[in-house]
Amino acid sequence: MSLFDEDVPRKPRTGAITVGEELSALSETDLAERIEALHEEINRTQRELEQRGNIRDAANSLFQK
C-alpha cells in the first residue's frame, strides 16, 4: 500500500447505478463495467416482464373457460 493511496478518492461500490449520474469522473474500465451492469439489468427486467406476461396469460386462460 502506497503512502498516497488514502489521497485517491474511492468511488462507492454499492452496485446501484443512478440514471443521469455524472460520467466524466469514471475511467474507461468503470464505464465498461457500467455498460455491462446496465445490460444485465435490462435482461433481468425483460425476464421479469416476460414472467408477468406468462402469469397473466395463464390467468386469462383459466378464467376464460
PDB file of N, CA and C in Angstrom:
ATOM      1  N   MET A   1       0.853  -1.178   0.000  1.00  0.00           N
ATOM      2  CA  MET A   1       0.000   0.000   0.000  1.00  0.00           C
ATOM      3  C   MET A   1       0.891   1.230   0.000  1.00  0.00           C
ATOM      4  N   SER A   2       0.598   2.109  -0.896  1.00  0.00           N
ATOM      5  CA  SER A   2       1.388   3.319  -1.028  1.00  0.00           C
ATOM      6  C   SER A   2       1.009   4.329   0.055  1.00  0.00           C
ATOM      7  N   LEU A   3       1.932   5.179   0.316  1.00  0.00           N
ATOM      8  CA  LEU A   3       1.702   6.233   1.289  1.00  0.00           C
ATOM      9  C   LEU A   3       0.573   7.162   0.842  1.00  0.00           C
ATOM     10  N   PHE A   4       0.385   7.274  -0.472  1.00  0.00           N
ATOM     11  CA  PHE A   4      -0.587   8.225  -1.011  1.00  0.00           C
ATOM     12  C   PHE A   4      -1.907   7.594  -1.418  1.00  0.00           C
ATOM     13  N   ASP A   5      -2.113   6.333  -1.150  1.00  0.00           N
ATOM     14  CA  ASP A   5      -3.366   5.681  -1.516  1.00  0.00           C
ATOM     15  C   ASP A   5      -4.579   6.345  -0.864  1.00  0.00           C
ATOM     16  N   GLU A   6      -4.399   6.853   0.325  1.00  0.00           N
ATOM     17  CA  GLU A   6      -5.529   7.473   1.009  1.00  0.00           C
ATOM     18  C   GLU A   6      -5.944   8.784   0.363  1.00  0.00           C
ATOM     19  N   ASP A   7      -5.068   9.370  -0.471  1.00  0.00           N
ATOM     20  CA  ASP A   7      -5.401  10.611  -1.153  1.00  0.00           C
ATOM     21  C   ASP A   7      -6.281  10.384  -2.382  1.00  0.00           C
ATOM     22  N   VAL A   8      -6.337   9.152  -2.857  1.00  0.00           N
ATOM     23  CA  VAL A   8      -7.137   8.842  -4.037  1.00  0.00           C
ATOM     24  C   VAL A   8      -8.579   8.664  -3.602  1.00  0.00           C
ATOM     25  N   PRO A   9      -9.490   9.479  -4.169  1.00  0.00           N
ATOM     26  CA  PRO A   9     -10.892   9.313  -3.781  1.00  0.00           C
ATOM     27  C   PRO A   9     -11.408   7.960  -4.259  1.00  0.00           C
ATOM     28  N   ARG A  10     -12.090   7.299  -3.393  1.00  0.00           N
ATOM     29  CA  ARG A  10     -12.635   5.989  -3.735  1.00  0.00           C
ATOM     30  C   ARG A  10     -14.106   6.136  -4.077  1.00  0.00           C
ATOM     31  N   LYS A  11     -14.484   5.499  -5.180  1.00  0.00           N
ATOM     32  CA  LYS A  11     -15.892   5.565  -5.527  1.00  0.00           C
ATOM     33  C   LYS A  11     -16.631   4.475  -4.770  1.00  0.00           C
ATOM     34  N   PRO A  12     -17.810   4.768  -4.317  1.00  0.00           N
ATOM     35  CA  PRO A  12     -18.578   3.782  -3.579  1.00  0.00           C
ATOM     36  C   PRO A  12     -18.978   2.620  -4.478  1.00  0.00           C
ATOM     37  N   ARG A  13     -18.913   1.404  -3.946  1.00  0.00           N
ATOM     38  CA  ARG A  13     -19.301   0.206  -4.686  1.00  0.00           C
ATOM     39  C   ARG A  13     -20.610  -0.312  -4.105  1.00  0.00           C
ATOM     40  N   THR A  14     -21.689   0.366  -4.398  1.00  0.00           N
ATOM     41  CA  THR A  14     -22.977  -0.057  -3.871  1.00  0.00           C
ATOM     42  C   THR A  14     -23.689  -0.995  -4.816  1.00  0.00           C
ATOM     43  N   GLY A  15     -23.249  -1.036  -6.073  1.00  0.00           N
ATOM     44  CA  GLY A  15     -23.923  -1.848  -7.064  1.00  0.00           C
ATOM     45  C   GLY A  15     -25.081  -1.119  -7.710  1.00  0.00           C
ATOM     46  N   ALA A  16     -25.404   0.035  -7.191  1.00  0.00           N
ATOM     47  CA  ALA A  16     -26.508   0.806  -7.740  1.00  0.00           C
ATOM     48  C   ALA A  16     -26.008   1.731  -8.840  1.00  0.00           C
ATOM     49  N   ILE A  17     -26.777   1.791  -9.895  1.00  0.00           N
ATOM     50  CA  ILE A  17     -26.476   2.705 -10.989  1.00  0.00           C
ATOM     51  C   ILE A  17     -27.542   3.785 -10.967  1.00  0.00           C
ATOM     52  N   THR A  18     -27.103   5.011 -10.965  1.00  0.00           N
ATOM     53  CA  THR A  18     -28.021   6.126 -10.937  1.00  0.00           C
ATOM     54  C   THR A  18     -28.149   6.707 -12.336  1.00  0.00           C
ATOM     55  N   VAL A  19     -29.365   6.751 -12.842  1.00  0.00           N
ATOM     56  CA  VAL A  19     -29.609   7.334 -14.151  1.00  0.00           C
ATOM     57  C   VAL A  19     -29.307   8.821 -14.069  1.00  0.00           C
ATOM     58  N   GLY A  20     -28.556   9.323 -15.034  1.00  0.00           N
ATOM     59  CA  GLY A  20     -28.202  10.733 -15.057  1.00  0.00           C
ATOM     60  C   GLY A  20     -26.956  11.062 -14.252  1.00  0.00           C
ATOM     61  N   GLU A  21     -26.336  10.038 -13.697  1.00  0.00           N
ATOM     62  CA  GLU A  21     -25.122  10.232 -12.899  1.00  0.00           C
ATOM     63  C   GLU A  21     -24.014  10.848 -13.756  1.00  0.00           C
ATOM     64  N   GLU A  22     -23.206  11.678 -13.153  1.00  0.00           N
ATOM     65  CA  GLU A  22     -22.069  12.296 -13.840  1.00  0.00           C
ATOM     66  C   GLU A  22     -21.087  11.198 -14.235  1.00  0.00           C
ATOM     67  N   LEU A  23     -20.709  11.160 -15.507  1.00  0.00           N
ATOM     68  CA  LEU A  23     -19.842  10.094 -16.002  1.00  0.00           C
ATOM     69  C   LEU A  23     -18.403  10.539 -16.235  1.00  0.00           C
ATOM     70  N   SER A  24     -18.153  11.821 -16.205  1.00  0.00           N
ATOM     71  CA  SER A  24     -16.829  12.329 -16.576  1.00  0.00           C
ATOM     72  C   SER A  24     -15.722  11.863 -15.623  1.00  0.00           C
ATOM     73  N   ALA A  25     -16.057  11.537 -14.394  1.00  0.00           N
ATOM     74  CA  ALA A  25     -15.041  11.116 -13.424  1.00  0.00           C
ATOM     75  C   ALA A  25     -14.731   9.622 -13.514  1.00  0.00           C
ATOM     76  N   LEU A  26     -15.493   8.876 -14.324  1.00  0.00           N
ATOM     77  CA  LEU A  26     -15.308   7.441 -14.418  1.00  0.00           C
ATOM     78  C   LEU A  26     -14.228   7.093 -15.439  1.00  0.00           C
ATOM     79  N   SER A  27     -13.471   6.055 -15.133  1.00  0.00           N
ATOM     80  CA  SER A  27     -12.436   5.588 -16.064  1.00  0.00           C
ATOM     81  C   SER A  27     -13.095   4.775 -17.176  1.00  0.00           C
ATOM     82  N   GLU A  28     -12.320   4.437 -18.200  1.00  0.00           N
ATOM     83  CA  GLU A  28     -12.846   3.609 -19.279  1.00  0.00           C
ATOM     84  C   GLU A  28     -13.297   2.257 -18.744  1.00  0.00           C
ATOM     85  N   THR A  29     -12.531   1.712 -17.812  1.00  0.00           N
ATOM     86  CA  THR A  29     -12.906   0.431 -17.200  1.00  0.00           C
ATOM     87  C   THR A  29     -14.222   0.574 -16.443  1.00  0.00           C
ATOM     88  N   ASP A  30     -14.361   1.645 -15.687  1.00  0.00           N
ATOM     89  CA  ASP A  30     -15.599   1.887 -14.947  1.00  0.00           C
ATOM     90  C   ASP A  30     -16.781   2.027 -15.903  1.00  0.00           C
ATOM     91  N   LEU A  31     -16.567   2.728 -17.008  1.00  0.00           N
ATOM     92  CA  LEU A  31     -17.641   2.913 -17.989  1.00  0.00           C
ATOM     93  C   LEU A  31     -18.041   1.581 -18.612  1.00  0.00           C
ATOM     94  N   ALA A  32     -17.054   0.745 -18.930  1.00  0.00           N
ATOM     95  CA  ALA A  32     -17.348  -0.569 -19.497  1.00  0.00           C
ATOM     96  C   ALA A  32     -18.109  -1.432 -18.491  1.00  0.00           C
ATOM     97  N   GLU A  33     -17.710  -1.375 -17.228  1.00  0.00           N
ATOM     98  CA  GLU A  33     -18.410  -2.123 -16.182  1.00  0.00           C
ATOM     99  C   GLU A  33     -19.831  -1.611 -16.011  1.00  0.00           C
ATOM    100  N   ARG A  34     -20.007  -0.320 -16.122  1.00  0.00           N
ATOM    101  CA  ARG A  34     -21.337   0.288 -16.021  1.00  0.00           C
ATOM    102  C   ARG A  34     -22.234  -0.200 -17.147  1.00  0.00           C
ATOM    103  N   ILE A  35     -21.693  -0.231 -18.356  1.00  0.00           N
ATOM    104  CA  ILE A  35     -22.462  -0.702 -19.502  1.00  0.00           C
ATOM    105  C   ILE A  35     -22.870  -2.155 -19.298  1.00  0.00           C
ATOM    106  N   GLU A  36     -21.943  -2.982 -18.843  1.00  0.00           N
ATOM    107  CA  GLU A  36     -22.248  -4.393 -18.594  1.00  0.00           C
ATOM    108  C   GLU A  36     -23.333  -4.525 -17.528  1.00  0.00           C
ATOM    109  N   ALA A  37     -23.235  -3.748 -16.474  1.00  0.00           N
ATOM    110  CA  ALA A  37     -24.251  -3.791 -15.411  1.00  0.00           C
ATOM    111  C   ALA A  37     -25.612  -3.352 -15.944  1.00  0.00           C
ATOM    112  N   LEU A  38     -25.615  -2.355 -16.804  1.00  0.00           N
ATOM    113  CA  LEU A  38     -26.877  -1.896 -17.394  1.00  0.00           C
ATOM    114  C   LEU A  38     -27.480  -2.972 -18.296  1.00  0.00           C
ATOM    115  N   HIS A  39     -26.649  -3.652 -19.085  1.00  0.00           N
ATOM    116  CA  HIS A  39     -27.134  -4.750 -19.918  1.00  0.00           C
ATOM    117  C   HIS A  39     -27.747  -5.847 -19.053  1.00  0.00           C
ATOM    118  N   GLU A  40     -27.068  -6.193 -17.970  1.00  0.00           N
ATOM    119  CA  GLU A  40     -27.582  -7.215 -17.062  1.00  0.00           C
ATOM    120  C   GLU A  40     -28.915  -6.790 -16.455  1.00  0.00           C
ATOM    121  N   GLU A  41     -29.038  -5.525 -16.108  1.00  0.00           N
ATOM    122  CA  GLU A  41     -30.283  -5.031 -15.518  1.00  0.00           C
ATOM    123  C   GLU A  41     -31.405  -5.036 -16.550  1.00  0.00           C
ATOM    124  N   ILE A  42     -31.107  -4.678 -17.782  1.00  0.00           N
ATOM    125  CA  ILE A  42     -32.110  -4.729 -18.852  1.00  0.00           C
ATOM    126  C   ILE A  42     -32.588  -6.165 -19.035  1.00  0.00           C
ATOM    127  N   ASN A  43     -31.654  -7.114 -19.092  1.00  0.00           N
ATOM    128  CA  ASN A  43     -32.028  -8.522 -19.254  1.00  0.00           C
ATOM    129  C   ASN A  43     -32.870  -9.014 -18.088  1.00  0.00           C
ATOM    130  N   ARG A  44     -32.513  -8.624 -16.887  1.00  0.00           N
ATOM    131  CA  ARG A  44     -33.271  -9.022 -15.696  1.00  0.00           C
ATOM    132  C   ARG A  44     -34.688  -8.453 -15.754  1.00  0.00           C
ATOM    133  N   THR A  45     -34.798  -7.207 -16.165  1.00  0.00           N
ATOM    134  CA  THR A  45     -36.103  -6.557 -16.270  1.00  0.00           C
ATOM    135  C   THR A  45     -36.957  -7.207 -17.352  1.00  0.00           C
ATOM    136  N   GLN A  46     -36.340  -7.551 -18.482  1.00  0.00           N
ATOM    137  CA  GLN A  46     -37.072  -8.219 -19.561  1.00  0.00           C
ATOM    138  C   GLN A  46     -37.580  -9.585 -19.118  1.00  0.00           C
ATOM    139  N   ARG A  47     -36.751 -10.346 -18.377  1.00  0.00           N
ATOM    140  CA  ARG A  47     -37.193 -11.649 -17.877  1.00  0.00           C
ATOM    141  C   ARG A  47     -38.389 -11.501 -16.939  1.00  0.00           C
ATOM    142  N   GLU A  48     -38.343 -10.493 -16.086  1.00  0.00           N
ATOM    143  CA  GLU A  48     -39.460 -10.252 -15.157  1.00  0.00           C
ATOM    144  C   GLU A  48     -40.723  -9.890 -15.926  1.00  0.00           C
ATOM    145  N   LEU A  49     -40.589  -9.065 -16.941  1.00  0.00           N
ATOM    146  CA  LEU A  49     -41.740  -8.675 -17.754  1.00  0.00           C
ATOM    147  C   LEU A  49     -42.337  -9.883 -18.474  1.00  0.00           C
ATOM    148  N   GLU A  50     -41.480 -10.738 -19.016  1.00  0.00           N
ATOM    149  CA  GLU A  50     -41.953 -11.955 -19.675  1.00  0.00           C
ATOM    150  C   GLU A  50     -42.661 -12.868 -18.695  1.00  0.00           C
ATOM    151  N   GLN A  51     -42.104 -13.006 -17.501  1.00  0.00           N
ATOM    152  CA  GLN A  51     -42.714 -13.859 -16.483  1.00  0.00           C
ATOM    153  C   GLN A  51     -44.094 -13.344 -16.108  1.00  0.00           C
ATOM    154  N   ARG A  52     -44.207 -12.055 -15.950  1.00  0.00           N
ATOM    155  CA  ARG A  52     -45.517 -11.487 -15.602  1.00  0.00           C
ATOM    156  C   ARG A  52     -46.513 -11.687 -16.735  1.00  0.00           C
ATOM    157  N   GLY A  53     -46.040 -11.556 -17.962  1.00  0.00           N
ATOM    158  CA  GLY A  53     -46.915 -11.800 -19.108  1.00  0.00           C
ATOM    159  C   GLY A  53     -47.392 -13.243 -19.131  1.00  0.00           C
ATOM    160  N   ASN A  54     -46.493 -14.182 -18.817  1.00  0.00           N
ATOM    161  CA  ASN A  54     -46.878 -15.595 -18.773  1.00  0.00           C
ATOM    162  C   ASN A  54     -47.910 -15.861 -17.686  1.00  0.00           C
ATOM    163  N   ILE A  55     -47.720 -15.232 -16.542  1.00  0.00           N
ATOM    164  CA  ILE A  55     -48.676 -15.391 -15.442  1.00  0.00           C
ATOM    165  C   ILE A  55     -50.028 -14.810 -15.839  1.00  0.00           C
ATOM    166  N   ARG A  56     -50.015 -13.640 -16.461  1.00  0.00           N
ATOM    167  CA  ARG A  56     -51.255 -13.005 -16.906  1.00  0.00           C
ATOM    168  C   ARG A  56     -51.963 -13.886 -17.925  1.00  0.00           C
ATOM    169  N   ASP A  57     -51.213 -14.422 -18.897  1.00  0.00           N
ATOM    170  CA  ASP A  57     -51.806 -15.277 -19.921  1.00  0.00           C
ATOM    171  C   ASP A  57     -52.403 -16.540 -19.314  1.00  0.00           C
ATOM    172  N   ALA A  58     -51.717 -17.123 -18.335  1.00  0.00           N
ATOM    173  CA  ALA A  58     -52.234 -18.310 -17.664  1.00  0.00           C
ATOM    174  C   ALA A  58     -53.527 -17.983 -16.911  1.00  0.00           C
ATOM    175  N   ALA A  59     -53.550 -16.864 -16.240  1.00  0.00           N
ATOM    176  CA  ALA A  59     -54.752 -16.454 -15.501  1.00  0.00           C
ATOM    177  C   ALA A  59     -55.901 -16.180 -16.471  1.00  0.00           C
ATOM    178  N   ASN A  60     -55.605 -15.513 -17.570  1.00  0.00           N
ATOM    179  CA  ASN A  60     -56.666 -15.239 -18.557  1.00  0.00           C
ATOM    180  C   ASN A  60     -57.238 -16.523 -19.123  1.00  0.00           C
ATOM    181  N   SER A  61     -56.379 -17.492 -19.427  1.00  0.00           N
ATOM    182  CA  SER A  61     -56.890 -18.749 -19.990  1.00  0.00           C
ATOM    183  C   SER A  61     -57.689 -19.523 -18.959  1.00  0.00           C
ATOM    184  N   LEU A  62     -57.320 -19.412 -17.703  1.00  0.00           N
ATOM    185  CA  LEU A  62     -58.057 -20.114 -16.645  1.00  0.00           C
ATOM    186  C   LEU A  62     -59.447 -19.526 -16.455  1.00  0.00           C
ATOM    187  N   PHE A  63     -59.543 -18.199 -16.465  1.00  0.00           N
ATOM    188  CA  PHE A  63     -60.821 -17.538 -16.177  1.00  0.00           C
ATOM    189  C   PHE A  63     -61.702 -17.378 -17.409  1.00  0.00           C
ATOM    190  N   GLN A  64     -61.176 -17.653 -18.586  1.00  0.00           N
ATOM    191  CA  GLN A  64     -61.996 -17.512 -19.802  1.00  0.00           C
ATOM    192  C   GLN A  64     -62.694 -18.813 -20.169  1.00  0.00           C
ATOM    193  N   LYS A  65     -62.533 -19.861 -19.384  1.00  0.00           N
ATOM    194  CA  LYS A  65     -63.176 -21.141 -19.690  1.00  0.00           C
ATOM    195  C   LYS A  65     -64.635 -21.124 -19.352  1.00  0.00           C
TER     196      LYS A  65
END
